Protein backbone atom coordinates (compact mmCIF):
# COMPACT_ATOMS: atom_id res chain seq x y z
CA MET A 1 30.06 -3.75 38.13
CA LYS A 2 31.79 -6.39 36.05
CA LYS A 3 29.99 -8.34 33.34
CA TRP A 4 30.70 -11.97 32.50
CA LYS A 5 29.53 -13.77 29.36
CA CYS A 6 28.91 -17.50 29.12
CA ALA A 7 30.68 -18.95 26.09
CA ALA A 8 28.16 -21.81 25.93
CA CYS A 9 24.90 -19.84 25.69
CA GLY A 10 25.68 -16.10 25.72
CA TYR A 11 24.10 -15.36 29.12
CA VAL A 12 25.55 -12.16 30.66
CA HIS A 13 26.09 -12.15 34.42
CA ASP A 14 26.59 -8.97 36.46
CA GLY A 15 28.86 -9.30 39.48
CA ASP A 16 32.36 -9.09 40.88
CA ASP A 17 32.99 -12.71 39.86
CA ALA A 18 31.50 -15.20 37.41
CA PRO A 19 28.81 -17.47 38.87
CA ALA A 20 29.71 -21.04 39.88
CA THR A 21 27.44 -22.29 37.08
CA CYS A 22 25.50 -20.53 34.37
CA PRO A 23 21.93 -19.84 35.52
CA LYS A 24 20.72 -20.35 31.93
CA CYS A 25 22.52 -23.46 30.70
CA GLY A 26 24.41 -24.85 33.70
CA ALA A 27 27.88 -24.40 32.15
CA ALA A 28 30.81 -24.33 34.57
CA LYS A 29 32.33 -21.09 35.84
CA GLU A 30 35.27 -21.63 33.49
CA GLN A 31 32.96 -21.02 30.53
CA PHE A 32 32.55 -17.36 31.58
CA ALA A 33 34.80 -14.60 30.24
CA GLU A 34 34.88 -11.11 31.68
CA LEU A 35 33.74 -8.48 29.18
CA ASP A 36 36.09 -5.57 28.61
CA ASP A 37 34.90 -2.08 29.53
CA ALA A 38 33.72 -1.22 26.01
CA ALA A 39 31.69 -4.44 25.67
CA ALA A 40 30.24 -4.05 29.18
CA LYS A 41 29.15 -0.47 28.43
CA LEU A 42 27.58 -1.61 25.15
CA VAL A 43 25.60 -4.32 26.98
CA GLU A 44 24.38 -1.76 29.54
CA ARG A 45 23.31 0.73 26.87
CA SER A 46 21.73 -2.04 24.82
CA ARG A 47 19.68 -3.24 27.78
CA HIS A 48 18.11 0.21 28.02
CA THR A 49 17.43 0.53 24.28
CA ASN A 50 16.11 -3.03 23.99
CA ALA A 51 13.73 -2.35 26.90
CA LEU A 52 12.47 0.72 25.01
CA HIS A 53 11.93 -1.39 21.88
CA SER A 54 10.02 -3.92 23.99
CA ARG A 55 7.77 -1.12 25.24
CA VAL A 56 7.13 0.04 21.66
CA ILE A 57 6.19 -3.53 20.71
CA ASP A 58 3.80 -3.78 23.66
CA LEU A 59 2.22 -0.39 22.89
CA ALA A 60 1.83 -1.30 19.22
CA ARG A 61 -0.01 -4.48 20.26
CA GLN A 62 -2.30 -2.37 22.44
CA VAL A 63 -3.00 0.01 19.54
CA GLU A 64 -3.70 -3.00 17.34
CA ALA A 65 -6.28 -4.29 19.87
CA VAL A 66 -7.98 -0.89 20.09
CA CYS A 67 -8.12 -0.66 16.31
CA ASN A 68 -9.63 -4.15 16.07
CA ASP A 69 -12.37 -3.01 18.47
CA GLY A 70 -12.94 0.12 16.39
CA ILE A 71 -13.15 -1.88 13.18
CA ALA A 72 -15.63 -4.29 14.76
CA ASP A 73 -17.72 -1.36 16.05
CA GLU A 74 -18.25 -0.13 12.46
CA LEU A 75 -19.66 3.28 13.42
CA ASP A 76 -19.11 4.53 9.90
CA PRO A 77 -16.79 3.94 6.93
CA GLY A 78 -14.52 6.84 7.92
CA CYS A 79 -13.90 5.37 11.37
CA VAL A 80 -13.26 1.91 9.96
CA ASP A 81 -10.77 3.43 7.52
CA VAL A 82 -8.90 5.28 10.30
CA PHE A 83 -8.78 2.18 12.51
CA THR A 84 -7.68 0.00 9.60
CA LYS A 85 -4.87 2.37 8.62
CA SER A 86 -3.82 2.86 12.25
CA ARG A 87 -3.70 -0.90 12.81
CA LYS A 88 -1.41 -1.24 9.80
CA MET A 89 0.89 1.52 11.11
CA ALA A 90 0.98 -0.11 14.57
CA TRP A 91 1.95 -3.40 12.94
CA GLU A 92 4.77 -1.68 11.05
CA MET A 93 6.04 0.03 14.23
CA MET A 94 6.08 -3.30 16.00
CA LYS A 95 7.97 -4.97 13.15
CA PHE A 96 10.54 -2.14 13.03
CA SER A 97 11.35 -2.60 16.72
CA MET A 98 11.41 -6.39 16.45
CA THR A 99 13.80 -6.17 13.52
CA GLU A 100 16.06 -3.76 15.39
CA GLN A 101 16.16 -6.12 18.36
CA GLU A 102 17.16 -8.97 16.05
CA ILE A 103 19.97 -6.81 14.67
CA HIS A 104 21.08 -6.03 18.23
CA MET A 105 21.24 -9.72 19.07
CA LYS A 106 23.34 -10.48 16.00
CA LYS A 107 25.74 -7.65 16.91
CA GLY A 108 26.04 -8.71 20.55
CA LYS A 109 24.08 -5.69 21.75
CA TRP A 110 22.14 -7.75 24.23
CA GLY A 111 22.70 -9.20 27.64
């Protein structure tokens, strides 16, 4: 399937032809350019990888919430220490994936 990119906002459309107007910004059909095969394949691969990064971010937030509950429970100092360290690691994991997504956006690995 062909991919078309809006020059006005960067929205990527999948289809045999560009849309009449951009669903994101309303730009005219003439603002769309068809991506070449290499760029279209990169967008498709990037969609998969970016979805995986989004899952990591969501899971890290869930780990953070569990750790906050464990810290609040205060069963003993050892548990609080484990939950505190795990929360910090979850935060780092989340930030790694967020940073990688930002890099992907800057390199056009998005769409």
